[in-house]
Protein backbone atom coordinates (compact mmCIF):
# COMPACT_ATOMS: atom_id res chain seq x y z
CA UNK A 1 161.52 -53.24 204.44
CA UNK A 2 165.45 -52.51 204.48
CA UNK A 3 166.81 -52.03 201.54
CA UNK A 4 170.58 -50.87 202.54
CA UNK A 5 172.17 -50.78 205.70
CA UNK A 6 175.67 -48.86 205.82
CA UNK A 7 178.07 -48.91 208.40
CA UNK A 8 175.88 -46.19 209.99
CA UNK A 9 172.77 -45.90 208.14
CA UNK A 10 169.43 -47.72 207.19
CA UNK A 11 168.32 -46.67 203.45
CA UNK A 12 164.66 -47.91 202.82
CA UNK A 13 161.82 -46.92 200.73
CA UNK A 14 160.06 -43.89 202.16
CA UNK A 15 156.39 -44.84 203.48
CA UNK A 16 153.37 -42.73 203.87
CA UNK A 17 153.97 -42.67 207.63
CA UNK A 18 157.11 -40.82 206.89
CA UNK A 19 155.65 -37.46 205.85
CA UNK A 20 156.29 -35.87 209.63
CA UNK A 21 159.77 -36.62 209.26
CA UNK A 22 159.97 -35.12 205.68
CA UNK A 23 158.24 -32.24 206.77
CA UNK A 24 160.71 -31.37 209.53
CA UNK A 25 163.23 -31.80 207.12
CA UNK A 26 161.73 -29.45 204.55
CA UNK A 27 160.78 -26.69 207.39
CA UNK A 28 164.85 -26.75 208.33
CA UNK A 29 165.64 -26.70 204.72
CA UNK A 30 163.23 -23.51 204.25
CA UNK A 31 165.49 -21.85 207.28
CA UNK A 32 168.50 -22.20 204.78
CA UNK A 33 170.44 -19.76 202.71
CA UNK A 34 170.50 -22.31 200.04
CA UNK A 35 166.60 -22.90 199.72
CA UNK A 36 166.27 -19.61 197.71
CA UNK A 37 167.85 -21.99 194.93
CA UNK A 38 165.28 -24.66 195.13
CA UNK A 39 161.67 -25.16 194.25
CA UNK A 40 159.60 -23.93 197.48
CA UNK A 41 158.93 -27.02 199.63
CA UNK A 42 155.31 -26.09 201.13
CA UNK A 43 155.25 -27.70 204.53
CA UNK A 44 151.27 -27.63 205.06
CA UNK A 45 150.45 -30.95 206.93
CA UNK A 46 147.43 -31.18 203.84
CA UNK A 47 149.93 -31.05 201.13
CA UNK A 48 152.87 -32.98 202.81
CA UNK A 49 150.86 -36.23 203.80
CA UNK A 50 149.23 -36.69 200.29
CA UNK A 51 152.60 -36.02 198.57
CA UNK A 52 154.83 -38.41 200.61
CA UNK A 53 151.83 -41.08 200.45
CA UNK A 54 152.34 -40.70 196.71
CA UNK A 55 156.14 -40.99 196.88
CA UNK A 56 155.53 -44.39 198.92
CA UNK A 57 153.62 -45.60 196.15
CA UNK A 58 155.74 -44.61 193.21
CA UNK A 59 158.05 -47.01 194.95
CA UNK A 60 156.54 -50.01 193.40
CA UNK A 61 157.81 -49.04 190.11
CA UNK A 62 161.14 -47.62 189.13
CA UNK A 63 160.46 -44.42 187.22
CA UNK A 64 160.37 -42.90 190.82
CA UNK A 65 161.92 -44.03 193.93
CA UNK A 66 162.18 -42.47 196.76
CA UNK A 67 164.29 -43.54 199.72
CA UNK A 68 164.42 -42.68 203.43
CA UNK A 69 167.94 -42.54 205.12
CA UNK A 70 167.63 -43.31 208.93
CA UNK A 71 170.00 -43.32 211.48
CA UNK A 72 169.23 -45.05 214.22
CA UNK A 73 165.34 -45.31 212.80
CA UNK A 74 165.23 -41.88 212.56
CA UNK A 75 164.67 -40.36 209.19
CA UNK A 76 167.48 -37.61 208.44
CA UNK A 77 167.42 -37.03 204.98
CA UNK A 78 165.92 -38.68 201.65
CA UNK A 79 167.34 -39.47 198.57
CA UNK A 80 164.89 -39.43 195.15
CA UNK A 81 165.83 -40.82 191.58
CA UNK A 82 163.30 -40.00 188.47
CA UNK A 83 163.69 -41.14 185.22
CA UNK A 84 164.75 -38.38 182.49
CA UNK A 85 164.67 -39.91 179.38
CA UNK A 86 167.42 -42.71 179.13
CA UNK A 87 169.06 -41.69 182.67
CA UNK A 88 167.83 -40.63 186.36
CA UNK A 89 167.90 -37.84 188.06
CA UNK A 90 169.00 -37.57 191.60
CA UNK A 91 168.02 -35.04 194.14
CA UNK A 92 168.61 -35.14 197.98
CA UNK A 93 167.92 -33.28 201.44
CA UNK A 94 168.94 -33.75 204.55
CA UNK A 95 168.19 -32.00 207.93
CA UNK A 96 171.04 -29.53 208.74
CA UNK A 97 171.62 -31.24 211.99
CA UNK A 98 173.14 -33.91 209.93
CA UNK A 99 175.34 -32.02 207.30
CA UNK A 100 178.74 -32.18 207.33
CA UNK A 101 179.20 -35.87 209.34
CA UNK A 102 179.62 -37.85 205.75
CA UNK A 103 175.69 -39.01 205.90
CA UNK A 104 174.71 -37.75 202.63
CA UNK A 105 177.85 -39.10 200.93
CA UNK A 106 177.92 -42.46 202.47
CA UNK A 107 174.03 -42.94 202.18
CA UNK A 108 174.15 -41.66 198.23
CA UNK A 109 177.16 -43.88 197.51
CA UNK A 110 175.48 -47.20 198.71
CA UNK A 111 172.24 -46.47 196.45
CA UNK A 112 174.61 -46.51 193.53
CA UNK A 113 175.28 -49.92 193.82
CA UNK A 114 171.28 -50.34 194.02
CA UNK A 115 170.65 -48.66 190.74
CA UNK A 116 173.82 -50.69 188.89
CA UNK A 117 171.64 -53.78 190.33
CA UNK A 118 168.96 -52.05 188.48
CA UNK A 119 170.63 -51.69 184.95
CA UNK A 120 171.17 -48.02 185.90
CA UNK A 121 174.03 -46.46 184.13
CA UNK A 122 173.79 -42.62 184.17
CA UNK A 123 173.01 -39.91 186.62
CA UNK A 124 172.35 -36.56 186.37
CA UNK A 125 172.03 -33.54 189.17
CA UNK A 126 171.38 -29.84 189.47
CA UNK A 127 172.21 -27.70 191.95
CA UNK A 128 173.10 -24.07 192.07
CA UNK A 129 176.18 -23.25 191.91
CA UNK A 130 176.31 -21.00 195.06
CA UNK A 131 175.30 -24.17 196.95
CA UNK A 132 178.82 -25.15 197.67
CA UNK A 133 178.22 -27.87 199.76
CA UNK A 134 176.04 -29.94 197.19
CA UNK A 135 178.52 -28.96 194.45
CA UNK A 136 181.17 -30.61 196.70
CA UNK A 137 179.14 -33.52 197.83
CA UNK A 138 178.17 -33.89 193.89
CA UNK A 139 182.36 -33.96 192.93
CA UNK A 140 183.22 -36.40 195.89
CA UNK A 141 180.64 -38.97 194.65
CA UNK A 142 182.23 -38.64 191.30
CA UNK A 143 179.67 -36.06 189.22
CA UNK A 144 181.46 -33.74 186.42
CA UNK A 145 179.89 -30.64 186.13
CA UNK A 146 178.90 -30.82 182.44
CA UNK A 147 176.62 -27.24 181.73
CA UNK A 148 175.24 -24.35 183.32
CA UNK A 149 171.74 -22.88 183.10
CA UNK A 150 169.94 -19.57 184.22
CA UNK A 151 167.21 -20.98 186.62
CA UNK A 152 164.66 -19.08 188.75
CA UNK A 153 161.93 -20.53 191.17
CA UNK A 154 161.27 -17.12 192.73
CA UNK A 155 159.93 -13.39 191.74
CA UNK A 156 161.02 -10.48 193.23
CA UNK A 157 158.82 -7.42 194.50
CA UNK A 158 158.75 -5.93 191.48
CA UNK A 159 158.01 -9.40 189.87
CA UNK A 160 160.53 -10.04 187.99
CA UNK A 161 162.33 -13.31 187.99
CA UNK A 162 165.11 -14.02 190.48
CA UNK A 163 167.70 -15.79 188.33
CA UNK A 164 170.86 -17.97 189.31
CA UNK A 165 172.95 -20.21 187.81
CA UNK A 166 172.72 -23.97 187.68
CA UNK A 167 175.04 -26.28 187.33
CA UNK A 168 173.87 -29.70 185.42
CA UNK A 169 176.11 -32.45 186.70
CA UNK A 170 176.40 -36.26 185.41
CA UNK A 171 178.18 -39.46 186.43
CA UNK A 172 178.46 -42.79 184.79
CA UNK A 173 177.87 -45.56 187.11
């Protein structure tokens, strides 16, 4: 089912069959210098396949919404919206082969109209302040940095948390 068509992209709900594409995106992401600023993405088939099936099933409601971003029917990334109290948190990940081409901005901007249609008025996003491409994207989309926090997803060889500065960004739709 097509949700949105932009000039270059098709944005649709993720389906259970998208798990191999999401795996490729996560394998690619795990090689990025920015992966240290995100929760680990497990890339075992036995983990990914049921997780993406859950994402697909969640799309029947609006608490969690997962969208595949497709270029010529090929999944190049995804965007997720998860309800947090009276707002939604946005998350996204695109294969690095498609970075710097405006696909994330194009697809997320189009999804803003979809979210407005659902009556959603506020979005938040979190990212590491050192993840300058993600911070630049959020600012280009109109998000404003509202606060910072100390975040840790990993521990070092001594068992100590590896802490970084995370930014909380907000957008009123």
